[in-house]
Amino acid sequence: MQLKTNNGIGSVYVSNNVIAEIAGAVTTDCYGVVGMAAHNMKDGLTSLIKSDITRGVNVVVQDGGIAVDVHIIVRYGVNINAICKSIVNRVRYALESGVGLKVNRINVRVEGVKQN
């Protein structure tokens, strides 16, 4: 699925993979985030992913906008609430101002805590 936006010159199609790349890159840049988390529903296991940042991001196109779910692992001892607020604000800003997408919802799911 991809999101389509129109302007006076033509149409722009943005793939979910591009949205996931942007959201993952912005998220991993936030202080206190150790990495993205891939949740294996079959085994009920959560694993840390450092190389493929898109595996911890789910993007759904809905009502002309997008909903983003970000699964992260945080560093022990940091304020989780502050990290989540920072991620929501930064991802929303990156997608709305940088790409021109309407963001309906951003969910941050903390899947684990890792000590240094």
PDB file of N, CA and C in Angstrom:
ATOM      1  N   MET A   1       0.856  -1.181   0.000  1.00  0.00           N
ATOM      2  CA  MET A   1       0.000   0.000   0.000  1.00  0.00           C
ATOM      3  C   MET A   1       0.895   1.235   0.000  1.00  0.00           C
ATOM      4  N   GLN A   2       0.479   2.239  -0.660  1.00  0.00           N
ATOM      5  CA  GLN A   2       1.232   3.486  -0.696  1.00  0.00           C
ATOM      6  C   GLN A   2       0.280   4.661  -0.586  1.00  0.00           C
ATOM      7  N   LEU A   3       0.840   5.766  -0.168  1.00  0.00           N
ATOM      8  CA  LEU A   3       0.041   6.973   0.006  1.00  0.00           C
ATOM      9  C   LEU A   3       0.229   7.860  -1.211  1.00  0.00           C
ATOM     10  N   LYS A   4      -0.866   8.402  -1.727  1.00  0.00           N
ATOM     11  CA  LYS A   4      -0.829   9.256  -2.924  1.00  0.00           C
ATOM     12  C   LYS A   4      -1.192  10.672  -2.519  1.00  0.00           C
ATOM     13  N   THR A   5      -0.373  11.630  -2.940  1.00  0.00           N
ATOM     14  CA  THR A   5      -0.684  13.041  -2.742  1.00  0.00           C
ATOM     15  C   THR A   5      -0.678  13.729  -4.104  1.00  0.00           C
ATOM     16  N   ASN A   6      -1.551  14.697  -4.269  1.00  0.00           N
ATOM     17  CA  ASN A   6      -1.672  15.413  -5.535  1.00  0.00           C
ATOM     18  C   ASN A   6      -1.284  16.874  -5.352  1.00  0.00           C
ATOM     19  N   ASN A   7      -0.708  17.448  -6.406  1.00  0.00           N
ATOM     20  CA  ASN A   7      -0.460  18.885  -6.439  1.00  0.00           C
ATOM     21  C   ASN A   7      -0.791  19.381  -7.848  1.00  0.00           C
ATOM     22  N   GLY A   8      -0.506  20.617  -8.135  1.00  0.00           N
ATOM     23  CA  GLY A   8      -0.851  21.193  -9.433  1.00  0.00           C
ATOM     24  C   GLY A   8      -0.108  20.582 -10.602  1.00  0.00           C
ATOM     25  N   ILE A   9       1.042  20.019 -10.358  1.00  0.00           N
ATOM     26  CA  ILE A   9       1.868  19.466 -11.430  1.00  0.00           C
ATOM     27  C   ILE A   9       1.556  17.995 -11.697  1.00  0.00           C
ATOM     28  N   GLY A  10       1.236  17.248 -10.630  1.00  0.00           N
ATOM     29  CA  GLY A  10       0.980  15.821 -10.792  1.00  0.00           C
ATOM     30  C   GLY A  10       0.795  15.137  -9.444  1.00  0.00           C
ATOM     31  N   SER A  11       1.037  13.852  -9.430  1.00  0.00           N
ATOM     32  CA  SER A  11       0.851  13.050  -8.223  1.00  0.00           C
ATOM     33  C   SER A  11       2.184  12.547  -7.699  1.00  0.00           C
ATOM     34  N   VAL A  12       2.236  12.363  -6.386  1.00  0.00           N
ATOM     35  CA  VAL A  12       3.412  11.795  -5.741  1.00  0.00           C
ATOM     36  C   VAL A  12       2.955  10.570  -4.959  1.00  0.00           C
ATOM     37  N   TYR A  13       3.621   9.449  -5.173  1.00  0.00           N
ATOM     38  CA  TYR A  13       3.322   8.222  -4.458  1.00  0.00           C
ATOM     39  C   TYR A  13       4.452   7.959  -3.472  1.00  0.00           C
ATOM     40  N   VAL A  14       4.085   7.755  -2.202  1.00  0.00           N
ATOM     41  CA  VAL A  14       5.084   7.484  -1.170  1.00  0.00           C
ATOM     42  C   VAL A  14       4.821   6.086  -0.632  1.00  0.00           C
ATOM     43  N   SER A  15       5.814   5.222  -0.745  1.00  0.00           N
ATOM     44  CA  SER A  15       5.699   3.838  -0.303  1.00  0.00           C
ATOM     45  C   SER A  15       5.746   3.750   1.217  1.00  0.00           C
ATOM     46  N   ASN A  16       5.106   2.716   1.766  1.00  0.00           N
ATOM     47  CA  ASN A  16       5.163   2.475   3.203  1.00  0.00           C
ATOM     48  C   ASN A  16       6.589   2.216   3.676  1.00  0.00           C
ATOM     49  N   ASN A  17       7.421   1.626   2.823  1.00  0.00           N
ATOM     50  CA  ASN A  17       8.817   1.374   3.190  1.00  0.00           C
ATOM     51  C   ASN A  17       9.581   2.679   3.392  1.00  0.00           C
ATOM     52  N   VAL A  18       9.296   3.678   2.583  1.00  0.00           N
ATOM     53  CA  VAL A  18       9.949   4.985   2.731  1.00  0.00           C
ATOM     54  C   VAL A  18       9.513   5.640   4.038  1.00  0.00           C
ATOM     55  N   ILE A  19       8.231   5.569   4.344  1.00  0.00           N
ATOM     56  CA  ILE A  19       7.724   6.127   5.596  1.00  0.00           C
ATOM     57  C   ILE A  19       8.356   5.409   6.783  1.00  0.00           C
ATOM     58  N   ALA A  20       8.463   4.084   6.696  1.00  0.00           N
ATOM     59  CA  ALA A  20       9.070   3.297   7.777  1.00  0.00           C
ATOM     60  C   ALA A  20      10.548   3.630   7.943  1.00  0.00           C
ATOM     61  N   GLU A  21      11.264   3.837   6.841  1.00  0.00           N
ATOM     62  CA  GLU A  21      12.686   4.219   6.913  1.00  0.00           C
ATOM     63  C   GLU A  21      12.859   5.550   7.635  1.00  0.00           C
ATOM     64  N   ILE A  22      12.035   6.519   7.287  1.00  0.00           N
ATOM     65  CA  ILE A  22      12.132   7.843   7.911  1.00  0.00           C
ATOM     66  C   ILE A  22      11.800   7.745   9.396  1.00  0.00           C
ATOM     67  N   ALA A  23      10.694   7.081   9.725  1.00  0.00           N
ATOM     68  CA  ALA A  23      10.293   6.941  11.125  1.00  0.00           C
ATOM     69  C   ALA A  23      11.341   6.179  11.931  1.00  0.00           C
ATOM     70  N   GLY A  24      11.917   5.141  11.357  1.00  0.00           N
ATOM     71  CA  GLY A  24      12.945   4.363  12.047  1.00  0.00           C
ATOM     72  C   GLY A  24      14.224   5.147  12.258  1.00  0.00           C
ATOM     73  N   ALA A  25      14.633   5.912  11.257  1.00  0.00           N
ATOM     74  CA  ALA A  25      15.848   6.715  11.381  1.00  0.00           C
ATOM     75  C   ALA A  25      15.693   7.805  12.438  1.00  0.00           C
ATOM     76  N   VAL A  26      14.545   8.464  12.442  1.00  0.00           N
ATOM     77  CA  VAL A  26      14.289   9.514  13.431  1.00  0.00           C
ATOM     78  C   VAL A  26      14.224   8.907  14.833  1.00  0.00           C
ATOM     79  N   THR A  27      13.588   7.766  14.963  1.00  0.00           N
ATOM     80  CA  THR A  27      13.445   7.110  16.264  1.00  0.00           C
ATOM     81  C   THR A  27      14.786   6.691  16.841  1.00  0.00           C
ATOM     82  N   THR A  28      15.638   6.082  16.028  1.00  0.00           N
ATOM     83  CA  THR A  28      16.927   5.612  16.545  1.00  0.00           C
ATOM     84  C   THR A  28      17.858   6.764  16.893  1.00  0.00           C
ATOM     85  N   ASP A  29      17.580   7.962  16.379  1.00  0.00           N
ATOM     86  CA  ASP A  29      18.368   9.144  16.722  1.00  0.00           C
ATOM     87  C   ASP A  29      18.004   9.728  18.084  1.00  0.00           C
ATOM     88  N   CYS A  30      16.865   9.337  18.634  1.00  0.00           N
ATOM     89  CA  CYS A  30      16.404   9.891  19.910  1.00  0.00           C
ATOM     90  C   CYS A  30      17.257   9.357  21.061  1.00  0.00           C
ATOM     91  N   TYR A  31      17.531  10.232  22.026  1.00  0.00           N
ATOM     92  CA  TYR A  31      18.308   9.861  23.202  1.00  0.00           C
ATOM     93  C   TYR A  31      17.563   8.797  24.006  1.00  0.00           C
ATOM     94  N   GLY A  32      18.277   7.773  24.420  1.00  0.00           N
ATOM     95  CA  GLY A  32      17.708   6.727  25.251  1.00  0.00           C
ATOM     96  C   GLY A  32      17.212   5.519  24.489  1.00  0.00           C
ATOM     97  N   VAL A  33      17.131   5.608  23.166  1.00  0.00           N
ATOM     98  CA  VAL A  33      16.690   4.470  22.358  1.00  0.00           C
ATOM     99  C   VAL A  33      17.902   3.624  22.013  1.00  0.00           C
ATOM    100  N   VAL A  34      17.876   2.364  22.432  1.00  0.00           N
ATOM    101  CA  VAL A  34      18.974   1.442  22.140  1.00  0.00           C
ATOM    102  C   VAL A  34      18.851   0.915  20.721  1.00  0.00           C
ATOM    103  N   GLY A  35      17.625   0.623  20.302  1.00  0.00           N
ATOM    104  CA  GLY A  35      17.395   0.124  18.952  1.00  0.00           C
ATOM    105  C   GLY A  35      15.935  -0.187  18.735  1.00  0.00           C
ATOM    106  N   MET A  36      15.636  -0.667  17.558  1.00  0.00           N
ATOM    107  CA  MET A  36      14.274  -1.047  17.210  1.00  0.00           C
ATOM    108  C   MET A  36      14.049  -2.483  17.680  1.00  0.00           C
ATOM    109  N   ALA A  37      12.799  -2.816  17.930  1.00  0.00           N
ATOM    110  CA  ALA A  37      12.455  -4.156  18.397  1.00  0.00           C
ATOM    111  C   ALA A  37      11.559  -4.836  17.384  1.00  0.00           C
ATOM    112  N   ALA A  38      11.915  -6.050  17.038  1.00  0.00           N
ATOM    113  CA  ALA A  38      11.056  -6.863  16.176  1.00  0.00           C
ATOM    114  C   ALA A  38      10.378  -7.877  17.060  1.00  0.00           C
ATOM    115  N   HIS A  39       9.074  -7.867  17.050  1.00  0.00           N
ATOM    116  CA  HIS A  39       8.310  -8.763  17.904  1.00  0.00           C
ATOM    117  C   HIS A  39       7.876  -9.959  17.081  1.00  0.00           C
ATOM    118  N   ASN A  40       8.304 -11.151  17.488  1.00  0.00           N
ATOM    119  CA  ASN A  40       7.938 -12.379  16.801  1.00  0.00           C
ATOM    120  C   ASN A  40       6.679 -12.926  17.457  1.00  0.00           C
ATOM    121  N   MET A  41       5.538 -12.711  16.827  1.00  0.00           N
ATOM    122  CA  MET A  41       4.272 -13.127  17.410  1.00  0.00           C
ATOM    123  C   MET A  41       4.180 -14.649  17.565  1.00  0.00           C
ATOM    124  N   LYS A  42       4.835 -15.384  16.697  1.00  0.00           N
ATOM    125  CA  LYS A  42       4.769 -16.843  16.745  1.00  0.00           C
ATOM    126  C   LYS A  42       5.395 -17.370  18.039  1.00  0.00           C
ATOM    127  N   ASP A  43       6.567 -16.848  18.392  1.00  0.00           N
ATOM    128  CA  ASP A  43       7.271 -17.317  19.573  1.00  0.00           C
ATOM    129  C   ASP A  43       7.047 -16.433  20.783  1.00  0.00           C
ATOM    130  N   GLY A  44       6.492 -15.226  20.580  1.00  0.00           N
ATOM    131  CA  GLY A  44       6.303 -14.304  21.682  1.00  0.00           C
ATOM    132  C   GLY A  44       7.611 -13.685  22.141  1.00  0.00           C
ATOM    133  N   LEU A  45       8.590 -13.633  21.265  1.00  0.00           N
ATOM    134  CA  LEU A  45       9.904 -13.112  21.609  1.00  0.00           C
ATOM    135  C   LEU A  45      10.108 -11.729  21.007  1.00  0.00           C
ATOM    136  N   THR A  46      10.880 -10.939  21.708  1.00  0.00           N
ATOM    137  CA  THR A  46      11.257  -9.624  21.200  1.00  0.00           C
ATOM    138  C   THR A  46      12.758  -9.599  21.049  1.00  0.00           C
ATOM    139  N   SER A  47      13.231  -9.157  19.895  1.00  0.00           N
ATOM    140  CA  SER A  47      14.670  -9.115  19.673  1.00  0.00           C
ATOM    141  C   SER A  47      15.093  -7.706  19.266  1.00  0.00           C
ATOM    142  N   LEU A  48      16.315  -7.372  19.615  1.00  0.00           N
ATOM    143  CA  LEU A  48      16.891  -6.072  19.292  1.00  0.00           C
ATOM    144  C   LEU A  48      17.413  -6.096  17.868  1.00  0.00           C
ATOM    145  N   ILE A  49      17.041  -5.074  17.101  1.00  0.00           N
ATOM    146  CA  ILE A  49      17.501  -4.959  15.717  1.00  0.00           C
ATOM    147  C   ILE A  49      18.281  -3.665  15.594  1.00  0.00           C
ATOM    148  N   LYS A  50      19.519  -3.776  15.181  1.00  0.00           N
ATOM    149  CA  LYS A  50      20.322  -2.568  14.995  1.00  0.00           C
ATOM    150  C   LYS A  50      20.527  -2.233  13.527  1.00  0.00           C
ATOM    151  N   SER A  51      20.453  -3.239  12.655  1.00  0.00           N
ATOM    152  CA  SER A  51      20.768  -2.984  11.254  1.00  0.00           C
ATOM    153  C   SER A  51      19.543  -2.599  10.421  1.00  0.00           C
ATOM    154  N   ASP A  52      18.427  -3.279  10.600  1.00  0.00           N
ATOM    155  CA  ASP A  52      17.240  -3.012   9.779  1.00  0.00           C
ATOM    156  C   ASP A  52      16.210  -2.259  10.621  1.00  0.00           C
ATOM    157  N   ILE A  53      16.212  -0.940  10.504  1.00  0.00           N
ATOM    158  CA  ILE A  53      15.345  -0.110  11.347  1.00  0.00           C
ATOM    159  C   ILE A  53      13.887  -0.169  10.933  1.00  0.00           C
ATOM    160  N   THR A  54      13.583  -0.681   9.750  1.00  0.00           N
ATOM    161  CA  THR A  54      12.187  -0.725   9.309  1.00  0.00           C
ATOM    162  C   THR A  54      11.428  -1.898   9.918  1.00  0.00           C
ATOM    163  N   ARG A  55      12.111  -2.882  10.451  1.00  0.00           N
ATOM    164  CA  ARG A  55      11.424  -4.047  11.014  1.00  0.00           C
ATOM    165  C   ARG A  55      10.702  -3.717  12.310  1.00  0.00           C
ATOM    166  N   GLY A  56      11.055  -2.633  12.969  1.00  0.00           N
ATOM    167  CA  GLY A  56      10.376  -2.230  14.186  1.00  0.00           C
ATOM    168  C   GLY A  56       9.306  -1.182  13.949  1.00  0.00           C
ATOM    169  N   VAL A  57       8.956  -0.935  12.690  1.00  0.00           N
ATOM    170  CA  VAL A  57       7.978   0.108  12.349  1.00  0.00           C
ATOM    171  C   VAL A  57       6.864  -0.496  11.504  1.00  0.00           C
ATOM    172  N   ASN A  58       5.627  -0.222  11.892  1.00  0.00           N
ATOM    173  CA  ASN A  58       4.463  -0.627  11.106  1.00  0.00           C
ATOM    174  C   ASN A  58       3.750   0.639  10.638  1.00  0.00           C
ATOM    175  N   VAL A  59       3.419   0.699   9.350  1.00  0.00           N
ATOM    176  CA  VAL A  59       2.747   1.865   8.770  1.00  0.00           C
ATOM    177  C   VAL A  59       1.429   1.413   8.161  1.00  0.00           C
ATOM    178  N   VAL A  60       0.357   2.133   8.505  1.00  0.00           N
ATOM    179  CA  VAL A  60      -0.968   1.841   7.958  1.00  0.00           C
ATOM    180  C   VAL A  60      -1.522   3.132   7.371  1.00  0.00           C
ATOM    181  N   VAL A  61      -1.982   3.058   6.118  1.00  0.00           N
ATOM    182  CA  VAL A  61      -2.614   4.207   5.471  1.00  0.00           C
ATOM    183  C   VAL A  61      -4.099   4.159   5.800  1.00  0.00           C
ATOM    184  N   GLN A  62      -4.616   5.268   6.360  1.00  0.00           N
ATOM    185  CA  GLN A  62      -6.029   5.316   6.735  1.00  0.00           C
ATOM    186  C   GLN A  62      -6.561   6.735   6.621  1.00  0.00           C
ATOM    187  N   ASP A  63      -7.730   6.892   6.078  1.00  0.00           N
ATOM    188  CA  ASP A  63      -8.424   8.183   6.002  1.00  0.00           C
ATOM    189  C   ASP A  63      -7.564   9.306   5.424  1.00  0.00           C
ATOM    190  N   GLY A  64      -6.820   9.033   4.381  1.00  0.00           N
ATOM    191  CA  GLY A  64      -5.994  10.050   3.750  1.00  0.00           C
ATOM    192  C   GLY A  64      -4.742  10.412   4.518  1.00  0.00           C
ATOM    193  N   GLY A  65      -4.466   9.725   5.587  1.00  0.00           N
ATOM    194  CA  GLY A  65      -3.264   9.959   6.389  1.00  0.00           C
ATOM    195  C   GLY A  65      -2.640   8.633   6.761  1.00  0.00           C
ATOM    196  N   ILE A  66      -1.712   8.678   7.716  1.00  0.00           N
ATOM    197  CA  ILE A  66      -1.032   7.456   8.109  1.00  0.00           C
ATOM    198  C   ILE A  66      -1.063   7.279   9.620  1.00  0.00           C
ATOM    199  N   ALA A  67      -0.967   6.024  10.022  1.00  0.00           N
ATOM    200  CA  ALA A  67      -0.794   5.661  11.427  1.00  0.00           C
ATOM    201  C   ALA A  67       0.514   4.881  11.514  1.00  0.00           C
ATOM    202  N   VAL A  68       1.353   5.253  12.452  1.00  0.00           N
ATOM    203  CA  VAL A  68       2.680   4.640  12.588  1.00  0.00           C
ATOM    204  C   VAL A  68       2.800   3.999  13.959  1.00  0.00           C
ATOM    205  N   ASP A  69       3.206   2.733  13.995  1.00  0.00           N
ATOM    206  CA  ASP A  69       3.524   2.033  15.234  1.00  0.00           C
ATOM    207  C   ASP A  69       5.026   1.813  15.260  1.00  0.00           C
ATOM    208  N   VAL A  70       5.660   2.256  16.344  1.00  0.00           N
ATOM    209  CA  VAL A  70       7.113   2.128  16.494  1.00  0.00           C
ATOM    210  C   VAL A  70       7.388   1.248  17.702  1.00  0.00           C
ATOM    211  N   HIS A  71       8.159   0.181  17.509  1.00  0.00           N
ATOM    212  CA  HIS A  71       8.521  -0.748  18.581  1.00  0.00           C
ATOM    213  C   HIS A  71       9.995  -0.525  18.914  1.00  0.00           C
ATOM    214  N   ILE A  72      10.263  -0.177  20.187  1.00  0.00           N
ATOM    215  CA  ILE A  72      11.637   0.184  20.560  1.00  0.00           C
ATOM    216  C   ILE A  72      12.098  -0.561  21.809  1.00  0.00           C
ATOM    217  N   ILE A  73      13.407  -0.537  22.003  1.00  0.00           N
ATOM    218  CA  ILE A  73      14.047  -0.973  23.238  1.00  0.00           C
ATOM    219  C   ILE A  73      14.807   0.233  23.766  1.00  0.00           C
ATOM    220  N   VAL A  74      14.590   0.541  25.058  1.00  0.00           N
ATOM    221  CA  VAL A  74      15.185   1.732  25.651  1.00  0.00           C
ATOM    222  C   VAL A  74      16.315   1.359  26.599  1.00  0.00           C
ATOM    223  N   ARG A  75      17.139   2.354  26.883  1.00  0.00           N
ATOM    224  CA  ARG A  75      18.257   2.194  27.810  1.00  0.00           C
ATOM    225  C   ARG A  75      17.730   2.257  29.245  1.00  0.00           C
ATOM    226  N   TYR A  76      18.260   1.415  30.103  1.00  0.00           N
ATOM    227  CA  TYR A  76      17.858   1.386  31.513  1.00  0.00           C
ATOM    228  C   TYR A  76      18.216   2.703  32.194  1.00  0.00           C
ATOM    229  N   GLY A  77      17.282   3.226  32.981  1.00  0.00           N
ATOM    230  CA  GLY A  77      17.533   4.417  33.767  1.00  0.00           C
ATOM    231  C   GLY A  77      17.078   5.719  33.147  1.00  0.00           C
ATOM    232  N   VAL A  78      16.540   5.677  31.936  1.00  0.00           N
ATOM    233  CA  VAL A  78      16.067   6.910  31.305  1.00  0.00           C
ATOM    234  C   VAL A  78      14.559   7.034  31.503  1.00  0.00           C
ATOM    235  N   ASN A  79      14.047   8.235  31.369  1.00  0.00           N
ATOM    236  CA  ASN A  79      12.629   8.504  31.535  1.00  0.00           C
ATOM    237  C   ASN A  79      11.883   8.040  30.284  1.00  0.00           C
ATOM    238  N   ILE A  80      11.141   6.966  30.409  1.00  0.00           N
ATOM    239  CA  ILE A  80      10.457   6.362  29.263  1.00  0.00           C
ATOM    240  C   ILE A  80       9.393   7.299  28.706  1.00  0.00           C
ATOM    241  N   ASN A  81       8.676   7.987  29.575  1.00  0.00           N
ATOM    242  CA  ASN A  81       7.641   8.914  29.119  1.00  0.00           C
ATOM    243  C   ASN A  81       8.243  10.030  28.262  1.00  0.00           C
ATOM    244  N   ALA A  82       9.377  10.574  28.698  1.00  0.00           N
ATOM    245  CA  ALA A  82      10.033  11.643  27.932  1.00  0.00           C
ATOM    246  C   ALA A  82      10.531  11.130  26.580  1.00  0.00           C
ATOM    247  N   ILE A  83      11.055   9.912  26.552  1.00  0.00           N
ATOM    248  CA  ILE A  83      11.525   9.321  25.290  1.00  0.00           C
ATOM    249  C   ILE A  83      10.355   9.169  24.319  1.00  0.00           C
ATOM    250  N   CYS A  84       9.240   8.652  24.798  1.00  0.00           N
ATOM    251  CA  CYS A  84       8.076   8.434  23.935  1.00  0.00           C
ATOM    252  C   CYS A  84       7.520   9.742  23.384  1.00  0.00           C
ATOM    253  N   LYS A  85       7.440  10.774  24.222  1.00  0.00           N
ATOM    254  CA  LYS A  85       6.974  12.077  23.748  1.00  0.00           C
ATOM    255  C   LYS A  85       7.913  12.646  22.694  1.00  0.00           C
ATOM    256  N   SER A  86       9.216  12.494  22.920  1.00  0.00           N
ATOM    257  CA  SER A  86      10.200  12.979  21.957  1.00  0.00           C
ATOM    258  C   SER A  86      10.061  12.257  20.618  1.00  0.00           C
ATOM    259  N   ILE A  87       9.879  10.946  20.664  1.00  0.00           N
ATOM    260  CA  ILE A  87       9.728  10.166  19.432  1.00  0.00           C
ATOM    261  C   ILE A  87       8.484  10.600  18.672  1.00  0.00           C
ATOM    262  N   VAL A  88       7.372  10.736  19.372  1.00  0.00           N
ATOM    263  CA  VAL A  88       6.118  11.141  18.718  1.00  0.00           C
ATOM    264  C   VAL A  88       6.278  12.498  18.042  1.00  0.00           C
ATOM    265  N   ASN A  89       6.846  13.465  18.768  1.00  0.00           N
ATOM    266  CA  ASN A  89       7.012  14.808  18.200  1.00  0.00           C
ATOM    267  C   ASN A  89       7.971  14.823  17.019  1.00  0.00           C
ATOM    268  N   ARG A  90       9.091  14.131  17.129  1.00  0.00           N
ATOM    269  CA  ARG A  90      10.086  14.150  16.054  1.00  0.00           C
ATOM    270  C   ARG A  90       9.628  13.400  14.812  1.00  0.00           C
ATOM    271  N   VAL A  91       8.980  12.253  14.994  1.00  0.00           N
ATOM    272  CA  VAL A  91       8.490  11.488  13.846  1.00  0.00           C
ATOM    273  C   VAL A  91       7.378  12.265  13.144  1.00  0.00           C
ATOM    274  N   ARG A  92       6.460  12.831  13.916  1.00  0.00           N
ATOM    275  CA  ARG A  92       5.376  13.634  13.319  1.00  0.00           C
ATOM    276  C   ARG A  92       5.956  14.803  12.512  1.00  0.00           C
ATOM    277  N   TYR A  93       6.929  15.508  13.093  1.00  0.00           N
ATOM    278  CA  TYR A  93       7.541  16.654  12.401  1.00  0.00           C
ATOM    279  C   TYR A  93       8.232  16.204  11.112  1.00  0.00           C
ATOM    280  N   ALA A  94       8.994  15.110  11.185  1.00  0.00           N
ATOM    281  CA  ALA A  94       9.732  14.630  10.005  1.00  0.00           C
ATOM    282  C   ALA A  94       8.784  14.237   8.877  1.00  0.00           C
ATOM    283  N   LEU A  95       7.690  13.579   9.207  1.00  0.00           N
ATOM    284  CA  LEU A  95       6.775  13.119   8.170  1.00  0.00           C
ATOM    285  C   LEU A  95       5.878  14.238   7.639  1.00  0.00           C
ATOM    286  N   GLU A  96       5.439  15.129   8.518  1.00  0.00           N
ATOM    287  CA  GLU A  96       4.547  16.196   8.059  1.00  0.00           C
ATOM    288  C   GLU A  96       5.286  17.315   7.336  1.00  0.00           C
ATOM    289  N   SER A  97       6.427  17.731   7.869  1.00  0.00           N
ATOM    290  CA  SER A  97       7.131  18.843   7.229  1.00  0.00           C
ATOM    291  C   SER A  97       8.078  18.377   6.130  1.00  0.00           C
ATOM    292  N   GLY A  98       8.724  17.257   6.321  1.00  0.00           N
ATOM    293  CA  GLY A  98       9.701  16.792   5.340  1.00  0.00           C
ATOM    294  C   GLY A  98       9.088  16.126   4.133  1.00  0.00           C
ATOM    295  N   VAL A  99       8.012  15.358   4.348  1.00  0.00           N
ATOM    296  CA  VAL A  99       7.408  14.602   3.255  1.00  0.00           C
ATOM    297  C   VAL A  99       6.047  15.166   2.869  1.00  0.00           C
ATOM    298  N   GLY A 100       5.409  15.885   3.769  1.00  0.00           N
ATOM    299  CA  GLY A 100       4.105  16.467   3.479  1.00  0.00           C
ATOM    300  C   GLY A 100       2.949  15.521   3.713  1.00  0.00           C
ATOM    301  N   LEU A 101       3.142  14.544   4.587  1.00  0.00           N
ATOM    302  CA  LEU A 101       2.093  13.578   4.879  1.00  0.00           C
ATOM    303  C   LEU A 101       1.276  14.004   6.087  1.00  0.00           C
ATOM    304  N   LYS A 102       0.010  13.628   6.094  1.00  0.00           N
ATOM    305  CA  LYS A 102      -0.838  13.870   7.258  1.00  0.00           C
ATOM    306  C   LYS A 102      -0.691  12.663   8.188  1.00  0.00           C
ATOM    307  N   VAL A 103      -0.282  12.916   9.424  1.00  0.00           N
ATOM    308  CA  VAL A 103      -0.101  11.845  10.397  1.00  0.00           C
ATOM    309  C   VAL A 103      -1.311  11.833  11.326  1.00  0.00           C
ATOM    310  N   ASN A 104      -2.065  10.743  11.297  1.00  0.00           N
ATOM    311  CA  ASN A 104      -3.241  10.617  12.156  1.00  0.00           C
ATOM    312  C   ASN A 104      -2.866  10.153  13.560  1.00  0.00           C
ATOM    313  N   ARG A 105      -1.907   9.214  13.644  1.00  0.00           N
ATOM    314  CA  ARG A 105      -1.588   8.618  14.941  1.00  0.00           C
ATOM    315  C   ARG A 105      -0.177   8.046  14.924  1.00  0.00           C
ATOM    316  N   ILE A 106       0.520   8.204  16.061  1.00  0.00           N
ATOM    317  CA  ILE A 106       1.831   7.567  16.257  1.00  0.00           C
ATOM    318  C   ILE A 106       1.776   6.838  17.591  1.00  0.00           C
ATOM    319  N   ASN A 107       1.991   5.531  17.561  1.00  0.00           N
ATOM    320  CA  ASN A 107       2.029   4.725  18.770  1.00  0.00           C
ATOM    321  C   ASN A 107       3.455   4.271  19.015  1.00  0.00           C
ATOM    322  N   VAL A 108       3.964   4.501  20.212  1.00  0.00           N
ATOM    323  CA  VAL A 108       5.300   4.038  20.581  1.00  0.00           C
ATOM    324  C   VAL A 108       5.119   2.892  21.562  1.00  0.00           C
ATOM    325  N   ARG A 109       5.659   1.746  21.230  1.00  0.00           N
ATOM    326  CA  ARG A 109       5.553   0.571  22.083  1.00  0.00           C
ATOM    327  C   ARG A 109       6.951   0.196  22.574  1.00  0.00           C
ATOM    328  N   VAL A 110       7.139   0.293  23.886  1.00  0.00           N
ATOM    329  CA  VAL A 110       8.421  -0.063  24.490  1.00  0.00           C
ATOM    330  C   VAL A 110       8.380  -1.559  24.732  1.00  0.00           C
ATOM    331  N   GLU A 111       9.203  -2.304  24.004  1.00  0.00           N
ATOM    332  CA  GLU A 111       9.217  -3.764  24.067  1.00  0.00           C
ATOM    333  C   GLU A 111      10.229  -4.302  25.064  1.00  0.00           C
ATOM    334  N   GLY A 112      11.149  -3.445  25.502  1.00  0.00           N
ATOM    335  CA  GLY A 112      12.150  -3.917  26.459  1.00  0.00           C
ATOM    336  C   GLY A 112      13.047  -2.814  26.938  1.00  0.00           C
ATOM    337  N   VAL A 113      13.812  -3.148  27.973  1.00  0.00           N
ATOM    338  CA  VAL A 113      14.794  -2.231  28.557  1.00  0.00           C
ATOM    339  C   VAL A 113      16.120  -2.960  28.584  1.00  0.00           C
ATOM    340  N   LYS A 114      17.154  -2.276  28.140  1.00  0.00           N
ATOM    341  CA  LYS A 114      18.486  -2.890  28.089  1.00  0.00           C
ATOM    342  C   LYS A 114      19.459  -2.072  28.915  1.00  0.00           C
ATOM    343  N   GLN A 115      20.251  -2.763  29.699  1.00  0.00           N
ATOM    344  CA  GLN A 115      21.274  -2.104  30.472  1.00  0.00           C
ATOM    345  C   GLN A 115      22.523  -1.983  29.613  1.00  0.00           C
ATOM    346  N   ASN A 116      23.282  -0.902  29.802  1.00  0.00           N
ATOM    347  CA  ASN A 116      24.467  -0.639  28.984  1.00  0.00           C
ATOM    348  C   ASN A 116      25.145  -1.906  28.656  1.00  0.00           C
TER     349      ASN A 116
END
